[in-house]
């Protein structure tokens, strides 16, 4: 008997929480962690890696990628993707993203592969912010 349930190409379960569609449990976890830690961020931001162009008489489509999160933190932009598994295409697109951002010293591009990595990175980043603010005389 056939089921109408659609299966993900990579085996992850897509979730809808509060009307927001998440590609995986890890993406939902990172989203909640960013909200709870009160980071300013954009969710599922599309980035153009190569603009559309014409070659001879052919229209060539742009190459784009969707990054799970762009965190705006203390003058920096941190591009975060939550991926348990990276495909060959995603590896190439991340190299292209890094090339696009290579001259901007206020950016960072990273993959978070697990909840443990997300906790480790984001909590350390938040704690560093709190230490910096305390040193500047701002109290929490």
N, C-alpha and C. Protein backbone atom coordinates (compact mmCIF):
# COMPACT_ATOMS: atom_id res chain seq x y z
N UNK A 1 0.84 -1.17 0.00
CA UNK A 1 0.00 0.00 0.00
C UNK A 1 0.89 1.24 0.00
N UNK A 2 0.63 2.18 -0.87
CA UNK A 2 1.41 3.40 -0.97
C UNK A 2 0.95 4.43 0.04
N UNK A 3 1.89 5.17 0.54
CA UNK A 3 1.58 6.21 1.51
C UNK A 3 1.77 7.57 0.86
N UNK A 4 0.99 8.53 1.28
CA UNK A 4 1.13 9.89 0.78
C UNK A 4 2.25 10.65 1.48
N UNK A 5 2.83 10.04 2.52
CA UNK A 5 3.89 10.70 3.27
C UNK A 5 5.13 10.84 2.39
N UNK A 6 5.67 12.06 2.33
CA UNK A 6 6.87 12.31 1.55
C UNK A 6 8.09 12.08 2.42
N UNK A 7 9.09 11.45 1.84
CA UNK A 7 10.32 11.19 2.57
C UNK A 7 11.39 12.16 2.10
N UNK A 8 12.19 12.62 3.02
CA UNK A 8 13.28 13.52 2.72
C UNK A 8 14.37 12.77 1.98
N UNK A 9 15.01 13.47 1.08
CA UNK A 9 16.10 12.89 0.30
C UNK A 9 17.23 12.42 1.20
N UNK A 10 17.45 13.11 2.33
CA UNK A 10 18.58 12.80 3.21
C UNK A 10 18.16 12.13 4.51
N UNK A 11 16.89 11.75 4.63
CA UNK A 11 16.43 11.01 5.80
C UNK A 11 16.06 11.85 7.00
N UNK A 12 16.15 13.18 6.89
CA UNK A 12 15.75 14.03 8.02
C UNK A 12 14.24 14.27 7.97
N UNK A 13 13.68 14.56 9.13
CA UNK A 13 12.24 14.83 9.21
C UNK A 13 12.00 16.33 9.20
N UNK A 14 11.20 16.79 8.26
CA UNK A 14 10.83 18.20 8.22
C UNK A 14 9.76 18.43 9.28
N UNK A 15 9.87 19.58 9.95
CA UNK A 15 8.96 19.90 11.05
C UNK A 15 8.36 21.28 10.83
N UNK A 16 7.12 21.45 11.29
CA UNK A 16 6.49 22.76 11.29
C UNK A 16 6.12 23.08 12.73
N UNK A 17 6.70 24.17 13.24
CA UNK A 17 6.45 24.60 14.61
C UNK A 17 6.07 26.08 14.57
N UNK A 18 4.93 26.41 15.15
CA UNK A 18 4.44 27.80 15.16
C UNK A 18 4.39 28.39 13.75
N UNK A 19 4.04 27.56 12.77
CA UNK A 19 3.92 28.01 11.38
C UNK A 19 5.24 28.17 10.66
N UNK A 20 6.36 27.82 11.30
CA UNK A 20 7.68 27.93 10.69
C UNK A 20 8.13 26.53 10.29
N UNK A 21 8.59 26.38 9.03
CA UNK A 21 9.01 25.08 8.52
C UNK A 21 10.51 24.91 8.74
N UNK A 22 10.88 23.81 9.38
CA UNK A 22 12.28 23.50 9.65
C UNK A 22 12.65 22.24 8.88
N UNK A 23 13.87 22.24 8.35
CA UNK A 23 14.33 21.11 7.56
C UNK A 23 14.78 19.92 8.41
N UNK A 24 15.04 20.15 9.69
CA UNK A 24 15.51 19.06 10.54
C UNK A 24 15.30 19.43 12.01
N UNK A 25 15.44 18.43 12.87
CA UNK A 25 15.38 18.68 14.30
C UNK A 25 16.55 19.55 14.75
N UNK A 26 17.70 19.36 14.13
CA UNK A 26 18.87 20.16 14.48
C UNK A 26 18.63 21.63 14.12
N UNK A 27 18.02 21.90 12.98
CA UNK A 27 17.72 23.29 12.60
C UNK A 27 16.76 23.92 13.61
N UNK A 28 15.74 23.19 14.02
CA UNK A 28 14.79 23.68 15.03
C UNK A 28 15.51 23.93 16.35
N UNK A 29 16.39 23.03 16.73
CA UNK A 29 17.15 23.18 17.98
C UNK A 29 17.98 24.46 17.93
N UNK A 30 18.70 24.68 16.83
CA UNK A 30 19.54 25.88 16.68
C UNK A 30 18.68 27.14 16.69
N UNK A 31 17.53 27.11 16.03
CA UNK A 31 16.61 28.24 16.00
C UNK A 31 16.18 28.62 17.42
N UNK A 32 15.77 27.61 18.19
CA UNK A 32 15.34 27.86 19.57
C UNK A 32 16.49 28.35 20.44
N UNK A 33 17.66 27.80 20.24
CA UNK A 33 18.83 28.21 21.01
C UNK A 33 19.18 29.67 20.71
N UNK A 34 19.18 30.05 19.44
CA UNK A 34 19.45 31.44 19.07
C UNK A 34 18.42 32.39 19.68
N UNK A 35 17.15 32.00 19.65
CA UNK A 35 16.10 32.83 20.25
C UNK A 35 16.28 32.94 21.76
N UNK A 36 16.52 31.81 22.41
CA UNK A 36 16.66 31.80 23.88
C UNK A 36 17.87 32.59 24.35
N UNK A 37 18.94 32.57 23.55
CA UNK A 37 20.15 33.33 23.90
C UNK A 37 20.04 34.78 23.44
N UNK A 38 18.92 35.14 22.81
CA UNK A 38 18.60 36.50 22.37
C UNK A 38 19.60 37.06 21.35
N UNK A 39 20.02 36.21 20.41
CA UNK A 39 20.84 36.69 19.30
C UNK A 39 19.93 37.32 18.25
N UNK A 40 20.45 38.31 17.54
CA UNK A 40 19.77 38.85 16.37
C UNK A 40 20.20 38.01 15.19
N UNK A 41 19.20 37.46 14.45
CA UNK A 41 19.56 36.59 13.33
C UNK A 41 18.48 36.59 12.26
N UNK A 42 18.91 36.22 11.06
CA UNK A 42 18.01 35.99 9.94
C UNK A 42 17.90 34.49 9.76
N UNK A 43 16.72 34.02 9.38
CA UNK A 43 16.48 32.59 9.23
C UNK A 43 16.27 32.25 7.77
N UNK A 44 16.92 31.19 7.32
CA UNK A 44 16.84 30.68 5.94
C UNK A 44 17.02 31.80 4.92
N UNK A 45 18.18 32.41 4.97
CA UNK A 45 18.50 33.52 4.08
C UNK A 45 19.10 32.99 2.77
N UNK A 46 18.52 33.45 1.67
CA UNK A 46 19.04 33.06 0.35
C UNK A 46 20.20 33.98 -0.01
N UNK A 47 21.27 33.38 -0.50
CA UNK A 47 22.47 34.12 -0.87
C UNK A 47 22.80 33.79 -2.32
N UNK A 48 23.05 34.82 -3.12
CA UNK A 48 23.45 34.62 -4.51
C UNK A 48 24.97 34.46 -4.54
N UNK A 49 25.40 33.29 -5.00
CA UNK A 49 26.83 33.01 -5.08
C UNK A 49 27.41 33.49 -6.42
N UNK A 50 26.65 33.26 -7.49
CA UNK A 50 27.02 33.74 -8.83
C UNK A 50 25.75 34.29 -9.45
N UNK A 51 25.82 35.54 -9.92
CA UNK A 51 24.65 36.18 -10.54
C UNK A 51 24.30 35.49 -11.85
N UNK A 52 23.03 35.63 -12.24
CA UNK A 52 22.62 35.11 -13.55
C UNK A 52 23.36 35.89 -14.62
N UNK A 53 23.55 35.25 -15.77
CA UNK A 53 24.26 35.91 -16.86
C UNK A 53 23.87 35.27 -18.18
N UNK A 54 24.31 35.89 -19.25
CA UNK A 54 24.09 35.36 -20.59
C UNK A 54 25.41 34.85 -21.14
N UNK A 55 25.36 33.71 -21.76
CA UNK A 55 26.52 33.14 -22.43
C UNK A 55 26.09 32.80 -23.84
N UNK A 56 26.73 33.48 -24.82
CA UNK A 56 26.26 33.43 -26.21
C UNK A 56 24.80 33.86 -26.19
N UNK A 57 23.88 33.03 -26.61
CA UNK A 57 22.46 33.40 -26.57
C UNK A 57 21.70 32.62 -25.51
N UNK A 58 22.41 32.12 -24.54
CA UNK A 58 21.81 31.28 -23.51
C UNK A 58 21.75 32.02 -22.17
N UNK A 59 20.59 31.96 -21.53
CA UNK A 59 20.46 32.51 -20.18
C UNK A 59 20.94 31.47 -19.18
N UNK A 60 21.87 31.88 -18.34
CA UNK A 60 22.40 30.99 -17.30
C UNK A 60 21.84 31.47 -15.96
N UNK A 61 21.21 30.55 -15.24
CA UNK A 61 20.61 30.90 -13.96
C UNK A 61 21.67 31.20 -12.90
N UNK A 62 21.28 31.97 -11.93
CA UNK A 62 22.16 32.26 -10.80
C UNK A 62 22.39 30.99 -9.99
N UNK A 63 23.51 30.95 -9.30
CA UNK A 63 23.76 29.88 -8.34
C UNK A 63 23.50 30.48 -6.97
N UNK A 64 22.57 29.88 -6.24
CA UNK A 64 22.19 30.40 -4.92
C UNK A 64 22.31 29.28 -3.88
N UNK A 65 22.30 29.71 -2.65
CA UNK A 65 22.21 28.76 -1.55
C UNK A 65 21.37 29.40 -0.45
N UNK A 66 20.80 28.57 0.38
CA UNK A 66 20.05 29.06 1.52
C UNK A 66 20.82 28.66 2.77
N UNK A 67 21.23 29.66 3.53
CA UNK A 67 21.93 29.45 4.78
C UNK A 67 20.88 29.45 5.88
N UNK A 68 20.99 28.50 6.79
CA UNK A 68 19.99 28.38 7.86
C UNK A 68 19.88 29.66 8.69
N UNK A 69 21.03 30.20 9.10
CA UNK A 69 21.03 31.37 9.99
C UNK A 69 22.16 32.32 9.62
N UNK A 70 21.85 33.61 9.66
CA UNK A 70 22.89 34.65 9.60
C UNK A 70 22.75 35.42 10.91
N UNK A 71 23.73 35.23 11.77
CA UNK A 71 23.71 35.85 13.10
C UNK A 71 24.46 37.16 13.03
N UNK A 72 23.83 38.22 13.50
CA UNK A 72 24.46 39.55 13.57
C UNK A 72 24.89 39.75 15.01
N UNK A 73 26.21 39.80 15.20
CA UNK A 73 26.72 39.81 16.57
C UNK A 73 27.95 40.70 16.68
N UNK A 74 27.83 41.76 17.46
CA UNK A 74 28.93 42.68 17.74
C UNK A 74 29.69 43.10 16.48
N UNK A 75 28.94 43.52 15.45
CA UNK A 75 29.54 44.00 14.21
C UNK A 75 29.96 42.92 13.25
N UNK A 76 29.72 41.68 13.58
CA UNK A 76 30.09 40.57 12.71
C UNK A 76 28.85 39.87 12.18
N UNK A 77 29.02 39.17 11.05
CA UNK A 77 27.99 38.30 10.50
C UNK A 77 28.52 36.88 10.53
N UNK A 78 27.77 36.00 11.15
CA UNK A 78 28.16 34.61 11.24
C UNK A 78 27.14 33.79 10.46
N UNK A 79 27.59 33.15 9.39
CA UNK A 79 26.74 32.34 8.54
C UNK A 79 26.79 30.91 9.08
N UNK A 80 25.63 30.42 9.53
CA UNK A 80 25.58 29.10 10.17
C UNK A 80 24.61 28.21 9.43
N UNK A 81 25.07 27.00 9.15
CA UNK A 81 24.18 25.98 8.62
C UNK A 81 24.22 24.81 9.58
N UNK A 82 23.07 24.26 9.84
CA UNK A 82 22.97 23.10 10.73
C UNK A 82 22.78 21.87 9.85
N UNK A 83 23.86 21.14 9.67
CA UNK A 83 23.82 19.97 8.79
C UNK A 83 24.48 18.80 9.48
N UNK A 84 23.75 17.72 9.58
CA UNK A 84 24.37 16.49 10.07
C UNK A 84 25.17 15.83 8.96
N UNK A 85 24.76 16.06 7.71
CA UNK A 85 25.39 15.42 6.57
C UNK A 85 25.58 16.45 5.46
N UNK A 86 26.79 16.57 4.96
CA UNK A 86 27.08 17.52 3.88
C UNK A 86 27.23 16.77 2.56
N UNK A 87 26.47 17.20 1.56
CA UNK A 87 26.58 16.61 0.23
C UNK A 87 27.76 17.24 -0.52
N UNK A 88 28.12 16.66 -1.63
CA UNK A 88 29.20 17.23 -2.43
C UNK A 88 28.81 18.62 -2.94
N UNK A 89 27.54 18.80 -3.31
CA UNK A 89 27.07 20.10 -3.78
C UNK A 89 27.15 21.14 -2.66
N UNK A 90 26.72 20.77 -1.45
CA UNK A 90 26.77 21.74 -0.35
C UNK A 90 28.21 22.10 -0.01
N UNK A 91 29.14 21.16 -0.11
CA UNK A 91 30.55 21.45 0.14
C UNK A 91 31.08 22.47 -0.86
N UNK A 92 30.70 22.32 -2.12
CA UNK A 92 31.15 23.26 -3.16
C UNK A 92 30.53 24.63 -2.92
N UNK A 93 29.24 24.67 -2.59
CA UNK A 93 28.59 25.96 -2.35
C UNK A 93 29.20 26.68 -1.15
N UNK A 94 29.59 25.94 -0.12
CA UNK A 94 30.22 26.59 1.02
C UNK A 94 31.59 27.13 0.67
N UNK A 95 32.30 26.45 -0.20
CA UNK A 95 33.58 27.00 -0.68
C UNK A 95 33.33 28.29 -1.46
N UNK A 96 32.27 28.30 -2.26
CA UNK A 96 31.93 29.50 -3.02
C UNK A 96 31.53 30.64 -2.08
N UNK A 97 30.78 30.33 -1.03
CA UNK A 97 30.38 31.35 -0.06
C UNK A 97 31.61 31.92 0.64
N UNK A 98 32.51 31.05 1.05
CA UNK A 98 33.73 31.52 1.70
C UNK A 98 34.55 32.40 0.75
N UNK A 99 34.58 32.04 -0.53
CA UNK A 99 35.29 32.86 -1.51
C UNK A 99 34.61 34.23 -1.64
N UNK A 100 33.30 34.24 -1.66
CA UNK A 100 32.56 35.50 -1.78
C UNK A 100 32.82 36.41 -0.58
N UNK A 101 32.99 35.83 0.60
CA UNK A 101 33.13 36.60 1.84
C UNK A 101 34.58 36.77 2.30
N UNK A 102 35.53 36.27 1.53
CA UNK A 102 36.92 36.20 1.99
C UNK A 102 37.54 37.54 2.34
N UNK A 103 37.11 38.62 1.71
CA UNK A 103 37.69 39.93 1.98
C UNK A 103 37.01 40.67 3.13
N UNK A 104 35.91 40.13 3.64
CA UNK A 104 35.21 40.74 4.76
C UNK A 104 35.67 40.07 6.05
N UNK A 105 36.51 40.76 6.80
CA UNK A 105 37.09 40.18 8.01
C UNK A 105 36.07 40.02 9.13
N UNK A 106 34.88 40.60 8.96
CA UNK A 106 33.85 40.53 10.00
C UNK A 106 32.84 39.43 9.74
N UNK A 107 33.24 38.39 8.98
CA UNK A 107 32.33 37.28 8.72
C UNK A 107 32.97 35.97 9.13
N UNK A 108 32.10 35.02 9.38
CA UNK A 108 32.53 33.66 9.68
C UNK A 108 31.50 32.72 9.07
N UNK A 109 31.94 31.60 8.54
CA UNK A 109 31.05 30.61 7.95
C UNK A 109 31.30 29.29 8.66
N UNK A 110 30.22 28.68 9.19
CA UNK A 110 30.44 27.40 9.86
C UNK A 110 29.25 26.48 9.75
N UNK A 111 29.54 25.21 9.88
CA UNK A 111 28.53 24.17 9.96
C UNK A 111 28.45 23.68 11.38
N UNK A 112 27.25 23.54 11.88
CA UNK A 112 27.03 22.91 13.17
C UNK A 112 26.44 21.54 12.88
N UNK A 113 27.16 20.49 13.29
CA UNK A 113 26.77 19.13 12.95
C UNK A 113 25.90 18.45 14.02
N UNK A 114 25.83 19.06 15.20
CA UNK A 114 25.08 18.41 16.28
C UNK A 114 24.61 19.47 17.29
N UNK A 115 23.71 19.05 18.15
CA UNK A 115 23.24 19.94 19.22
C UNK A 115 24.40 20.29 20.14
N UNK A 116 25.28 19.35 20.37
CA UNK A 116 26.44 19.60 21.24
C UNK A 116 27.31 20.71 20.65
N UNK A 117 27.58 20.66 19.33
CA UNK A 117 28.36 21.71 18.68
C UNK A 117 27.64 23.06 18.75
N UNK A 118 26.32 23.04 18.55
CA UNK A 118 25.53 24.28 18.61
C UNK A 118 25.63 24.89 20.00
N UNK A 119 25.44 24.08 21.03
CA UNK A 119 25.56 24.57 22.41
C UNK A 119 26.95 25.14 22.66
N UNK A 120 27.95 24.38 22.31
CA UNK A 120 29.32 24.79 22.58
C UNK A 120 29.64 26.13 21.93
N UNK A 121 29.34 26.26 20.64
CA UNK A 121 29.69 27.48 19.92
C UNK A 121 28.86 28.68 20.37
N UNK A 122 27.54 28.53 20.39
CA UNK A 122 26.66 29.68 20.66
C UNK A 122 26.71 30.13 22.11
N UNK A 123 26.82 29.20 23.04
CA UNK A 123 26.90 29.60 24.45
C UNK A 123 28.24 30.29 24.72
N UNK A 124 29.32 29.79 24.14
CA UNK A 124 30.62 30.46 24.28
C UNK A 124 30.57 31.86 23.70
N UNK A 125 29.92 32.00 22.54
CA UNK A 125 29.80 33.32 21.91
C UNK A 125 29.01 34.27 22.80
N UNK A 126 27.93 33.80 23.39
CA UNK A 126 27.12 34.62 24.27
C UNK A 126 27.87 34.97 25.55
N UNK A 127 28.59 34.01 26.12
CA UNK A 127 29.37 34.26 27.33
C UNK A 127 30.49 35.26 27.06
N UNK A 128 31.11 35.18 25.89
CA UNK A 128 32.15 36.14 25.51
C UNK A 128 31.56 37.55 25.44
N UNK A 129 30.34 37.65 24.89
CA UNK A 129 29.65 38.94 24.82
C UNK A 129 29.42 39.49 26.22
N UNK A 130 28.96 38.64 27.13
CA UNK A 130 28.68 39.08 28.50
C UNK A 130 29.96 39.54 29.19
N UNK A 131 31.06 38.83 28.99
CA UNK A 131 32.34 39.22 29.58
C UNK A 131 32.79 40.56 29.02
N UNK A 132 32.67 40.74 27.70
CA UNK A 132 33.05 42.01 27.07
C UNK A 132 32.20 43.16 27.58
N UNK A 133 30.90 42.93 27.75
CA UNK A 133 30.01 43.99 28.23
C UNK A 133 30.29 44.33 29.70
N UNK A 134 30.64 43.34 30.51
CA UNK A 134 30.98 43.61 31.90
C UNK A 134 32.27 44.41 32.00
N UNK A 135 33.22 44.10 31.12
CA UNK A 135 34.49 44.82 31.12
C UNK A 135 34.29 46.27 30.70
N UNK A 136 33.27 46.53 29.87
CA UNK A 136 33.03 47.89 29.40
C UNK A 136 32.12 48.67 30.35
N UNK A 137 31.75 48.05 31.47
CA UNK A 137 30.94 48.74 32.46
C UNK A 137 29.46 48.47 32.36
N UNK A 138 29.04 47.69 31.36
CA UNK A 138 27.63 47.36 31.21
C UNK A 138 27.37 46.14 32.09
N UNK A 139 26.32 46.20 32.89
CA UNK A 139 25.98 45.06 33.74
C UNK A 139 24.71 44.40 33.23
N UNK A 140 24.60 43.14 33.53
CA UNK A 140 23.42 42.37 33.10
C UNK A 140 22.49 42.18 34.25
